[in-house]
Amino acid sequence: MEAFLYTALPSFVVVKTPEEYEDTERLIRDPKDRPILRAALRAGADLFLTGDKDFLGIRRV
């Protein structure tokens, strides 16, 4: 994990959460998680790493 973070941290980008909603957000059960998904989608994230069970089993459509 330490090696991964050492390599990956320089490429991380912090993005603001867009105010406009994404249709894909309806797939997330917890409304508090939806802005996180929205920010990742809008930023074109290559990787979305989470342990939140509400995101498990969801695929980008």
N, C-alpha and C. Protein backbone atom coordinates (compact mmCIF):
# COMPACT_ATOMS: atom_id res chain seq x y z
N MET A 1 0.82 -1.17 0.00
CA MET A 1 0.00 0.00 0.00
C MET A 1 0.88 1.26 0.00
N GLU A 2 1.93 1.23 0.79
CA GLU A 2 2.82 2.38 0.86
C GLU A 2 3.46 2.67 -0.49
N ALA A 3 3.89 1.62 -1.18
CA ALA A 3 4.50 1.79 -2.51
C ALA A 3 3.48 2.35 -3.50
N PHE A 4 2.25 1.85 -3.43
CA PHE A 4 1.20 2.36 -4.30
C PHE A 4 0.97 3.85 -4.06
N LEU A 5 0.82 4.24 -2.80
CA LEU A 5 0.58 5.66 -2.50
C LEU A 5 1.76 6.53 -2.90
N TYR A 6 2.97 6.06 -2.68
CA TYR A 6 4.15 6.83 -3.06
C TYR A 6 4.16 7.09 -4.57
N THR A 7 3.74 6.10 -5.33
CA THR A 7 3.71 6.24 -6.79
C THR A 7 2.50 7.03 -7.26
N ALA A 8 1.35 6.82 -6.64
CA ALA A 8 0.10 7.41 -7.13
C ALA A 8 -0.15 8.83 -6.66
N LEU A 9 0.27 9.19 -5.47
CA LEU A 9 -0.07 10.51 -4.92
C LEU A 9 0.29 11.68 -5.83
N PRO A 10 1.42 11.68 -6.49
CA PRO A 10 1.72 12.82 -7.36
C PRO A 10 0.72 13.02 -8.50
N SER A 11 -0.03 11.99 -8.85
CA SER A 11 -0.96 12.13 -9.97
C SER A 11 -2.40 12.38 -9.51
N PHE A 12 -2.64 12.45 -8.21
CA PHE A 12 -3.98 12.72 -7.70
C PHE A 12 -4.36 14.16 -8.00
N VAL A 13 -5.63 14.37 -8.32
CA VAL A 13 -6.15 15.71 -8.58
C VAL A 13 -7.41 15.89 -7.75
N VAL A 14 -7.48 16.99 -7.02
CA VAL A 14 -8.68 17.30 -6.24
C VAL A 14 -9.62 18.10 -7.14
N VAL A 15 -10.88 17.69 -7.18
CA VAL A 15 -11.87 18.38 -8.03
C VAL A 15 -13.06 18.82 -7.18
N LYS A 16 -13.68 19.91 -7.61
CA LYS A 16 -14.89 20.38 -6.94
C LYS A 16 -16.07 19.55 -7.43
N THR A 17 -17.06 19.42 -6.59
CA THR A 17 -18.27 18.68 -6.96
C THR A 17 -19.17 19.57 -7.80
N PRO A 18 -19.46 19.15 -9.03
CA PRO A 18 -20.36 19.94 -9.88
C PRO A 18 -21.77 19.98 -9.28
N GLU A 19 -22.47 21.06 -9.52
CA GLU A 19 -23.82 21.20 -8.99
C GLU A 19 -24.85 20.44 -9.83
N GLU A 20 -24.59 20.27 -11.13
CA GLU A 20 -25.54 19.58 -11.99
C GLU A 20 -25.49 18.08 -11.71
N TYR A 21 -26.65 17.46 -11.65
CA TYR A 21 -26.75 16.04 -11.36
C TYR A 21 -26.48 15.20 -12.59
N GLU A 22 -26.02 13.97 -12.36
CA GLU A 22 -25.80 12.97 -13.41
C GLU A 22 -26.92 11.93 -13.32
N ASP A 23 -27.39 11.44 -14.45
CA ASP A 23 -28.42 10.40 -14.45
C ASP A 23 -27.95 9.15 -13.71
N THR A 24 -26.66 8.87 -13.78
CA THR A 24 -26.08 7.68 -13.16
C THR A 24 -26.23 7.70 -11.64
N GLU A 25 -26.39 8.87 -11.06
CA GLU A 25 -26.47 8.97 -9.60
C GLU A 25 -27.62 8.18 -9.01
N ARG A 26 -28.67 7.97 -9.76
CA ARG A 26 -29.82 7.24 -9.24
C ARG A 26 -29.47 5.82 -8.85
N LEU A 27 -28.33 5.31 -9.35
CA LEU A 27 -27.90 3.96 -9.03
C LEU A 27 -27.32 3.84 -7.62
N ILE A 28 -27.01 4.97 -7.02
CA ILE A 28 -26.42 4.97 -5.68
C ILE A 28 -27.52 5.12 -4.65
N ARG A 29 -27.60 4.19 -3.74
CA ARG A 29 -28.66 4.16 -2.74
C ARG A 29 -28.58 5.33 -1.77
N ASP A 30 -27.40 5.65 -1.29
CA ASP A 30 -27.23 6.70 -0.29
C ASP A 30 -27.05 8.05 -0.97
N PRO A 31 -27.99 8.97 -0.80
CA PRO A 31 -27.90 10.28 -1.46
C PRO A 31 -26.64 11.06 -1.10
N LYS A 32 -26.07 10.81 0.08
CA LYS A 32 -24.85 11.52 0.48
C LYS A 32 -23.64 11.08 -0.33
N ASP A 33 -23.72 9.90 -0.94
CA ASP A 33 -22.62 9.39 -1.76
C ASP A 33 -22.68 9.91 -3.20
N ARG A 34 -23.82 10.38 -3.61
CA ARG A 34 -24.02 10.79 -5.00
C ARG A 34 -23.09 11.91 -5.46
N PRO A 35 -22.81 12.93 -4.65
CA PRO A 35 -21.87 13.96 -5.12
C PRO A 35 -20.46 13.42 -5.37
N ILE A 36 -20.08 12.37 -4.65
CA ILE A 36 -18.75 11.77 -4.84
C ILE A 36 -18.69 11.13 -6.21
N LEU A 37 -19.73 10.38 -6.56
CA LEU A 37 -19.79 9.77 -7.88
C LEU A 37 -19.83 10.84 -8.97
N ARG A 38 -20.61 11.89 -8.74
CA ARG A 38 -20.72 12.97 -9.72
C ARG A 38 -19.37 13.61 -9.99
N ALA A 39 -18.62 13.89 -8.95
CA ALA A 39 -17.30 14.50 -9.12
C ALA A 39 -16.36 13.58 -9.89
N ALA A 40 -16.39 12.29 -9.58
CA ALA A 40 -15.51 11.33 -10.26
C ALA A 40 -15.87 11.23 -11.74
N LEU A 41 -17.16 11.18 -12.05
CA LEU A 41 -17.58 11.09 -13.44
C LEU A 41 -17.21 12.34 -14.22
N ARG A 42 -17.46 13.49 -13.65
CA ARG A 42 -17.16 14.75 -14.35
C ARG A 42 -15.67 14.96 -14.55
N ALA A 43 -14.89 14.47 -13.61
CA ALA A 43 -13.44 14.63 -13.71
C ALA A 43 -12.82 13.62 -14.67
N GLY A 44 -13.62 12.64 -15.10
CA GLY A 44 -13.09 11.61 -15.98
C GLY A 44 -12.09 10.72 -15.26
N ALA A 45 -12.38 10.41 -14.01
CA ALA A 45 -11.46 9.63 -13.19
C ALA A 45 -11.10 8.30 -13.85
N ASP A 46 -9.83 7.99 -13.83
CA ASP A 46 -9.35 6.70 -14.33
C ASP A 46 -9.57 5.60 -13.30
N LEU A 47 -9.63 6.00 -12.05
CA LEU A 47 -9.74 5.04 -10.95
C LEU A 47 -10.65 5.63 -9.89
N PHE A 48 -11.53 4.81 -9.38
CA PHE A 48 -12.42 5.22 -8.30
C PHE A 48 -12.28 4.18 -7.21
N LEU A 49 -11.55 4.50 -6.16
CA LEU A 49 -11.22 3.55 -5.11
C LEU A 49 -12.04 3.87 -3.87
N THR A 50 -12.85 2.91 -3.43
CA THR A 50 -13.68 3.13 -2.25
C THR A 50 -13.97 1.80 -1.57
N GLY A 51 -14.25 1.88 -0.31
CA GLY A 51 -14.67 0.71 0.44
C GLY A 51 -16.16 0.77 0.75
N ASP A 52 -16.82 1.80 0.27
CA ASP A 52 -18.24 2.02 0.53
C ASP A 52 -19.07 0.96 -0.21
N LYS A 53 -19.84 0.20 0.51
CA LYS A 53 -20.61 -0.90 -0.08
C LYS A 53 -21.70 -0.42 -1.03
N ASP A 54 -22.12 0.84 -0.92
CA ASP A 54 -23.13 1.36 -1.84
C ASP A 54 -22.61 1.44 -3.27
N PHE A 55 -21.30 1.49 -3.43
CA PHE A 55 -20.71 1.58 -4.77
C PHE A 55 -20.38 0.22 -5.37
N LEU A 56 -20.36 -0.81 -4.56
CA LEU A 56 -20.01 -2.13 -5.07
C LEU A 56 -21.05 -2.62 -6.08
N GLY A 57 -20.59 -3.23 -7.13
CA GLY A 57 -21.49 -3.79 -8.13
C GLY A 57 -22.02 -2.79 -9.14
N ILE A 58 -21.61 -1.53 -9.03
CA ILE A 58 -22.08 -0.51 -9.98
C ILE A 58 -21.06 -0.39 -11.09
N ARG A 59 -21.54 -0.34 -12.29
CA ARG A 59 -20.67 -0.13 -13.45
C ARG A 59 -21.09 1.13 -14.15
N ARG A 60 -20.11 1.81 -14.70
CA ARG A 60 -20.44 3.04 -15.43
C ARG A 60 -21.22 2.68 -16.68
N VAL A 61 -22.29 3.39 -16.91
CA VAL A 61 -23.14 3.14 -18.09
C VAL A 61 -23.02 4.26 -19.09
